[in-house]
Protein backbone atom coordinates (compact mmCIF):
# COMPACT_ATOMS: atom_id res chain seq x y z
CA MET A 1 11.65 -28.91 -52.62
CA ALA A 2 10.38 -25.33 -53.05
CA ARG A 3 6.83 -26.49 -52.34
CA GLN A 4 7.98 -28.26 -49.15
CA LYS A 5 9.80 -25.13 -47.91
CA ALA A 6 6.71 -23.00 -48.59
CA SER A 7 4.58 -25.41 -46.59
CA GLN A 8 7.00 -25.29 -43.66
CA LEU A 9 7.03 -21.48 -43.77
CA ALA A 10 3.23 -21.37 -43.67
CA SER A 11 3.17 -23.65 -40.61
CA ILE A 12 5.58 -21.37 -38.76
CA VAL A 13 3.47 -18.28 -39.52
CA ILE A 14 0.32 -20.00 -38.19
CA ALA A 15 2.11 -21.05 -35.01
CA ILE A 16 3.35 -17.50 -34.37
CA ALA A 17 -0.16 -16.12 -34.85
CA PHE A 18 -1.60 -18.63 -32.38
CA VAL A 19 0.92 -17.76 -29.67
CA ALA A 20 0.26 -14.05 -30.15
CA ALA A 21 -3.50 -14.59 -29.79
CA ALA A 22 -3.03 -16.60 -26.59
CA CYS A 23 -1.00 -13.84 -24.90
CA GLY A 24 -3.60 -11.06 -24.85
CA ASN A 25 -3.96 -8.65 -21.93
CA ALA A 26 -6.53 -9.21 -19.18
CA THR A 27 -9.37 -6.74 -18.85
CA PRO A 28 -9.62 -5.01 -15.44
CA THR A 29 -12.77 -5.36 -13.36
CA PRO A 30 -15.09 -2.32 -13.59
CA THR A 31 -14.86 0.14 -10.72
CA PRO A 32 -17.76 -0.05 -8.17
CA THR A 33 -19.85 3.10 -7.91
CA PRO A 34 -21.08 3.57 -4.32
CA SER A 35 -22.85 6.69 -3.10
CA ALA A 36 -21.00 10.01 -3.05
CA GLY A 37 -19.11 11.26 -0.02
CA PRO A 38 -19.83 14.58 1.70
CA THR A 39 -18.37 17.97 0.71
CA LEU A 40 -15.79 19.05 3.25
CA VAL A 41 -14.05 22.32 4.17
CA PRO A 42 -10.36 22.15 5.17
CA THR A 43 -8.91 23.77 8.27
CA PRO A 44 -5.21 23.92 9.19
CA SER A 45 -3.66 20.95 10.99
CA PRO A 46 -0.97 21.54 13.65
CA SER A 47 2.53 20.38 12.78
CA PRO A 48 3.58 17.20 14.61
CA THR A 49 6.51 17.50 17.02
CA ALA A 50 9.50 15.32 16.25
CA SER A 51 11.32 13.44 18.98
CA PRO A 52 14.97 12.30 19.15
CA SER A 53 15.97 9.14 17.32
CA PRO A 54 17.09 6.24 19.53
CA SER A 55 19.68 3.76 18.34
CA PRO A 56 17.97 1.19 16.13
CA SER A 57 17.85 -2.47 17.10
CA PRO A 58 19.98 -4.90 15.09
CA SER A 59 18.30 -6.03 11.89
CA PRO A 60 16.96 -9.60 11.76
CA THR A 61 18.51 -11.91 9.20
CA PRO A 62 16.13 -12.57 6.28
CA THR A 63 14.93 -16.17 5.87
CA PRO A 64 14.85 -17.52 2.29
CA ALA A 65 11.37 -18.03 0.84
CA PRO A 66 10.37 -20.75 -1.61
CA THR A 67 9.29 -19.80 -5.14
CA PRO A 68 6.53 -19.81 -6.23
CA ILE A 69 4.16 -19.57 -3.25
CA GLU A 70 0.95 -21.51 -3.74
CA GLY A 71 -2.14 -19.29 -3.64
CA ILE A 72 -0.28 -15.97 -3.96
CA PRO A 73 0.00 -14.83 -7.58
CA ALA A 74 3.11 -13.12 -8.94
CA PHE A 75 1.29 -9.81 -9.23
CA LYS A 76 2.44 -7.34 -11.89
CA HIS A 77 1.81 -4.42 -9.53
CA ILE A 78 1.14 -4.19 -5.81
CA TYR A 79 -0.41 -0.98 -4.46
CA VAL A 80 -0.69 -0.18 -0.74
CA ILE A 81 -2.68 2.77 0.65
CA ILE A 82 -2.11 3.41 4.36
CA LEU A 83 -4.74 5.30 6.35
CA GLU A 84 -4.75 6.38 9.98
CA ASN A 85 -6.03 5.60 13.45
CA LYS A 86 -9.35 3.84 12.87
CA GLU A 87 -10.65 0.72 14.55
CA TYR A 88 -12.21 -2.03 12.40
CA GLY A 89 -15.76 -1.16 13.51
CA SER A 90 -15.31 2.47 12.49
CA ILE A 91 -14.93 1.36 8.87
CA VAL A 92 -16.64 -1.97 8.26
CA GLY A 93 -20.39 -1.42 8.12
CA SER A 94 -20.06 2.31 8.80
CA LYS A 95 -22.46 4.71 7.06
CA ALA A 96 -19.58 7.20 6.95
CA ALA A 97 -17.62 4.86 4.66
CA PRO A 98 -19.94 3.92 1.75
CA TYR A 99 -17.16 3.64 -0.83
CA GLU A 100 -14.96 1.44 1.37
CA ASN A 101 -17.89 -0.85 2.13
CA ALA A 102 -18.70 -1.09 -1.58
CA LEU A 103 -15.12 -2.27 -2.15
CA ILE A 104 -15.47 -4.76 0.72
CA ALA A 105 -18.66 -6.17 -0.83
CA ARG A 106 -17.18 -6.36 -4.34
CA TYR A 107 -13.70 -7.62 -3.41
CA GLY A 108 -12.17 -8.83 -0.12
CA LEU A 109 -11.49 -8.08 3.54
CA ALA A 110 -9.07 -9.40 6.19
CA THR A 111 -11.30 -9.61 9.25
CA ASN A 112 -8.79 -10.50 11.95
CA LEU A 113 -5.84 -8.17 11.42
CA TYR A 114 -4.25 -6.25 14.31
CA ALA A 115 -1.66 -3.47 14.38
CA GLU A 116 1.55 -3.99 16.34
CA THR A 117 1.62 -1.04 18.72
CA HIS A 118 1.06 2.71 19.23
CA PRO A 119 1.71 5.38 18.03
CA SER A 120 1.69 5.53 14.21
CA GLU A 121 5.27 5.38 13.01
CA PRO A 122 6.34 2.03 14.52
CA ASN A 123 3.56 0.32 12.56
CA TYR A 124 4.80 1.80 9.27
CA ILE A 125 8.28 0.50 10.06
CA ALA A 126 6.92 -2.93 11.02
CA LEU A 127 5.08 -3.16 7.70
CA THR A 128 8.15 -2.27 5.66
CA SER A 129 10.99 -3.93 7.62
CA GLY A 130 9.49 -6.88 9.51
CA GLY A 131 10.14 -5.39 12.97
CA LEU A 132 9.96 -2.25 15.09
CA ASN A 133 13.77 -1.87 14.92
CA GLY A 134 13.93 0.48 17.89
CA VAL A 135 11.14 2.76 16.68
CA SER A 136 8.83 3.62 19.58
CA SER A 137 7.57 7.14 18.80
CA ASP A 138 6.55 9.43 15.95
CA GLY A 139 9.98 11.05 15.91
CA TYR A 140 12.88 11.31 13.44
CA TYR A 141 14.59 8.01 12.62
CA ASN A 142 17.46 7.14 10.30
CA LEU A 143 17.41 3.35 10.31
CA ARG A 144 20.27 1.24 9.02
CA VAL A 145 18.24 -1.93 8.52
CA PRO A 146 17.01 -3.75 5.41
CA SER A 147 13.54 -2.87 4.16
CA ILE A 148 11.02 -3.96 1.58
CA PHE A 149 12.42 -1.26 -0.71
CA ASP A 150 15.82 -2.99 -0.66
CA GLN A 151 14.18 -6.36 -1.31
CA ILE A 152 12.26 -5.06 -4.29
CA GLU A 153 15.36 -3.62 -5.92
CA ALA A 154 17.35 -6.80 -5.23
CA ALA A 155 14.60 -8.78 -6.99
CA GLY A 156 15.01 -6.63 -10.09
CA LEU A 157 11.70 -4.84 -9.49
CA THR A 158 10.85 -1.17 -8.93
CA TRP A 159 9.15 0.89 -6.20
CA HIS A 160 7.65 4.33 -5.81
CA VAL A 161 6.14 6.23 -2.87
CA TYR A 162 3.46 8.84 -3.58
CA ALA A 163 3.25 11.05 -0.49
CA GLN A 164 0.59 13.76 -0.66
CA GLY A 165 2.12 17.19 0.01
CA TYR A 166 5.69 15.84 0.15
CA PRO A 167 8.20 18.77 0.07
CA GLY A 168 10.64 16.85 -2.16
CA LYS A 169 14.46 16.83 -2.24
CA CYS A 170 14.82 14.04 0.34
CA ALA A 171 13.04 16.21 2.93
CA THR A 172 13.31 14.85 6.47
CA ALA A 173 10.65 17.13 7.99
CA SER A 174 6.88 17.37 7.71
CA GLY A 175 5.38 19.80 5.21
CA PRO A 176 3.28 22.95 5.58
CA THR A 177 -0.49 22.85 6.00
CA GLY A 178 -3.00 23.42 3.22
CA VAL A 179 -0.93 21.95 0.39
CA VAL A 180 -2.94 21.19 -2.76
CA ASP A 181 -1.72 17.90 -4.21
CA GLY A 182 -4.01 15.61 -6.15
CA PRO A 183 -7.53 14.48 -5.16
CA GLY A 184 -9.20 15.08 -1.81
CA LEU A 185 -8.67 17.98 0.55
CA PRO A 186 -5.57 20.18 0.73
CA GLY A 187 -3.60 19.21 3.83
CA GLN A 188 -0.26 18.47 5.46
CA TYR A 189 2.38 15.87 4.66
CA ALA A 190 3.60 14.04 7.78
CA ARG A 191 7.10 12.59 7.66
CA LYS A 192 6.15 9.94 10.24
CA HIS A 193 3.67 8.46 7.74
CA ASN A 194 6.30 7.99 5.01
CA PRO A 195 8.38 4.97 6.04
CA ALA A 196 10.77 5.10 3.07
CA ILE A 197 12.45 8.32 4.25
CA SER A 198 13.20 6.72 7.64
CA TYR A 199 15.73 4.33 6.08
CA ALA A 200 19.26 5.74 5.90
CA SER A 201 20.02 4.02 2.60
CA ILE A 202 17.16 5.97 0.99
CA GLU A 203 17.38 9.31 2.81
CA SER A 204 21.10 9.68 2.01
CA ASN A 205 20.81 8.56 -1.62
CA LYS A 206 19.38 11.16 -3.99
CA THR A 207 18.72 8.60 -6.70
CA ARG A 208 16.71 6.35 -4.39
CA CYS A 209 14.78 9.08 -2.60
CA ALA A 210 13.82 10.47 -6.01
CA ASN A 211 11.37 7.53 -5.96
CA ILE A 212 9.38 9.53 -3.38
CA THR A 213 7.21 12.17 -5.04
CA ARG A 214 3.96 14.06 -4.61
CA LEU A 215 0.61 12.49 -5.43
CA THR A 216 -0.19 14.81 -8.35
CA GLY A 217 2.05 12.83 -10.68
CA PHE A 218 0.56 9.44 -9.73
CA ASP A 219 1.04 6.79 -12.40
CA PRO A 220 -0.34 3.29 -11.71
CA ALA A 221 2.19 1.85 -14.16
CA ALA A 222 5.25 3.67 -12.78
CA ALA A 223 6.58 0.86 -10.58
CA ASN A 224 5.90 -2.70 -9.48
CA PHE A 225 5.31 -1.59 -5.87
CA GLU A 226 3.54 1.69 -5.19
CA LEU A 227 2.91 2.99 -1.67
CA ILE A 228 0.36 5.79 -1.34
CA VAL A 229 0.48 8.09 1.71
CA PRO A 230 -2.43 10.60 1.82
CA ASN A 231 -2.15 13.86 3.75
CA MET A 232 -3.29 14.30 7.35
CA PHE A 233 -6.92 14.98 6.36
CA ASN A 234 -7.37 12.43 3.60
CA ASP A 235 -5.80 9.61 5.66
CA MET A 236 -8.46 10.04 8.43
CA HIS A 237 -5.90 11.30 10.95
CA SER A 238 -7.30 14.79 11.56
CA LYS A 239 -10.61 16.61 11.26
CA ALA A 240 -10.85 19.01 8.36
CA CYS A 241 -13.45 21.10 10.19
CA ALA A 242 -15.41 21.03 13.45
CA THR A 243 -18.29 19.10 11.88
CA CYS A 244 -16.32 17.06 9.32
CA GLY A 245 -16.01 13.37 10.03
CA GLU A 246 -12.53 11.89 9.68
CA VAL A 247 -13.85 8.63 8.20
CA ALA A 248 -16.10 10.46 5.73
CA THR A 249 -13.16 12.63 4.61
CA GLY A 250 -11.00 9.57 3.96
CA ASP A 251 -13.83 7.74 2.22
CA ALA A 252 -14.39 10.70 -0.11
CA PHE A 253 -10.66 10.73 -0.93
CA LEU A 254 -10.64 7.02 -1.72
CA LYS A 255 -13.67 7.41 -3.98
CA LEU A 256 -11.73 9.97 -6.01
CA PHE A 257 -8.36 8.22 -5.98
CA VAL A 258 -8.90 4.44 -6.07
CA PRO A 259 -10.49 4.45 -9.57
CA LYS A 260 -7.16 5.80 -10.86
CA ILE A 261 -5.73 2.40 -9.88
CA ILE A 262 -8.49 -0.12 -10.52
CA GLY A 263 -9.65 1.59 -13.71
CA SER A 264 -6.16 1.44 -15.22
CA PRO A 265 -4.92 -1.22 -17.66
CA ALA A 266 -1.95 -1.59 -15.29
CA PHE A 267 -4.28 -3.11 -12.70
CA ALA A 268 -4.68 -6.35 -14.66
CA ASP A 269 -3.02 -9.19 -12.69
CA SER A 270 -2.37 -6.75 -9.82
CA VAL A 271 -3.63 -6.11 -6.28
CA LEU A 272 -4.47 -3.14 -4.06
CA PHE A 273 -4.31 -3.27 -0.26
CA ILE A 274 -6.02 -0.52 1.75
CA THR A 275 -4.98 -0.74 5.38
CA TRP A 276 -4.61 1.38 8.52
CA ASP A 277 -1.56 1.99 10.69
CA GLU A 278 -3.33 1.44 14.03
CA GLY A 279 -6.71 1.51 15.75
CA ARG A 280 -7.96 3.46 18.75
CA THR A 281 -7.61 0.57 21.19
CA SER A 282 -4.63 -1.57 22.19
CA ARG A 283 -6.26 -4.88 21.26
CA GLY A 284 -3.57 -7.15 19.85
CA GLY A 285 -1.00 -4.43 20.55
CA GLY A 286 -2.21 -1.62 18.30
CA GLY A 287 -5.91 -2.21 17.77
CA HIS A 288 -8.14 -4.20 15.44
CA ILE A 289 -7.92 -2.66 11.96
CA ALA A 290 -9.57 -3.28 8.61
CA THR A 291 -7.55 -4.30 5.55
CA ILE A 292 -9.39 -4.19 2.23
CA VAL A 293 -8.01 -6.33 -0.59
CA VAL A 294 -8.88 -5.50 -4.21
CA SER A 295 -7.84 -7.60 -7.22
CA PRO A 296 -9.58 -7.96 -10.60
CA GLY A 297 -10.36 -11.68 -10.44
CA MET A 298 -11.43 -11.95 -6.81
CA THR A 299 -14.59 -13.73 -5.72
CA PRO A 300 -16.97 -11.02 -4.44
CA ALA A 301 -17.14 -10.61 -0.65
CA SER A 302 -14.04 -12.78 -0.09
CA ARG A 303 -12.87 -12.96 3.52
CA TYR A 304 -9.58 -13.91 5.16
CA THR A 305 -10.36 -14.77 8.78
CA GLY A 306 -6.96 -16.02 9.95
CA ALA A 307 -4.94 -14.17 12.59
CA ALA A 308 -2.97 -11.44 10.82
CA SER A 309 -0.86 -8.31 11.30
CA HIS A 310 1.17 -5.86 9.26
CA TYR A 311 3.77 -8.62 9.09
CA SER A 312 1.19 -10.75 7.24
CA LEU A 313 0.82 -8.04 4.61
CA LEU A 314 4.60 -7.83 4.25
CA ARG A 315 4.74 -11.64 3.95
CA THR A 316 2.09 -11.53 1.20
CA ILE A 317 4.18 -9.11 -0.86
CA GLU A 318 7.32 -11.18 -0.31
CA ASP A 319 5.52 -14.39 -1.30
CA ALA A 320 4.11 -12.80 -4.46
CA TRP A 321 7.59 -11.97 -5.71
CA GLY A 322 9.58 -14.83 -4.17
CA MET A 323 11.59 -12.51 -1.95
CA PRO A 324 13.28 -13.47 1.37
CA TYR A 325 11.32 -12.87 4.55
CA LEU A 326 12.21 -9.90 6.72
CA GLY A 327 12.05 -10.38 10.48
CA LYS A 328 8.67 -11.41 11.85
CA ALA A 329 7.18 -11.88 8.40
CA ALA A 330 8.83 -15.32 8.43
CA ALA A 331 6.62 -16.43 11.34
CA THR A 332 3.31 -15.29 9.85
CA LYS A 333 1.01 -16.48 7.07
CA PRO A 334 0.19 -14.46 3.96
CA LEU A 335 -3.26 -13.00 3.30
CA ALA A 336 -4.54 -15.89 1.19
CA PHE A 337 -7.56 -14.98 -0.93
CA PRO A 338 -9.01 -16.41 -4.14
CA TYR A 339 -7.15 -13.69 -6.08
């Protein structure tokens, strides 16, 4: 009997060792190393003028989503970097954007994605709530509608916004110029580019708005969903000097910052989206914009050519985590790549 018990114990130990070996961590894909960006000299950027907040439109009722969604992995982390005011052709194939084009060649690109409208802020709200919800300007808004931040918490996941130059303490105004905060050029934080602070349930809740911090403390493992908002120079919004190119400035920032994500162990089984709020034209409503998709296991030079919008990006995040669809995300398709 003792010999039989010893044999059974040995079998259990072997089985445990096998399971442990099969559950190892994935190794992230090496970071591409395109050519260096130019050296730039910052100049002050004028403070944007806020406009009155209109009454928000009623919130759409979320539509339940099936789980799991075929073709969209349940990513461990989803990172979104939002840049500013550049048409697709200003980025894709541009000599001013060598790092971005290296990412496009190594990973993926949505080729047919259009912003909703002009100016900037309504597009940020569309991306995070599934609708414009009464937002039509770059002014102050205090929206009482559900957002992706609510969805993430309801799903038992976590979120964090890293806003470069953010004043902190639930600030509802833009910051001063020339703030040094993480990689890239010193610059100005623009409230209109931080959608989280436009939702009343975050702005009025100190615990929730504590999830919005400066970029200096960036941690790729801090939350499941991380939204990165560069300052007004590094996001390609404004010129840093008379001869400094906006695209080149943003490209240089991305070359410094993106490796902090894709070179991290946290990036295994994760995805990074680099998108723009709007283009320079009104094609499709807010212009034709690039959206770069980076994930460790992607087939190089992958392309998604289907019709897409910021709602498609929202839908992709919702599908990844089996969350209900907000507003117009329910009527779109996700950005389906060979992730």
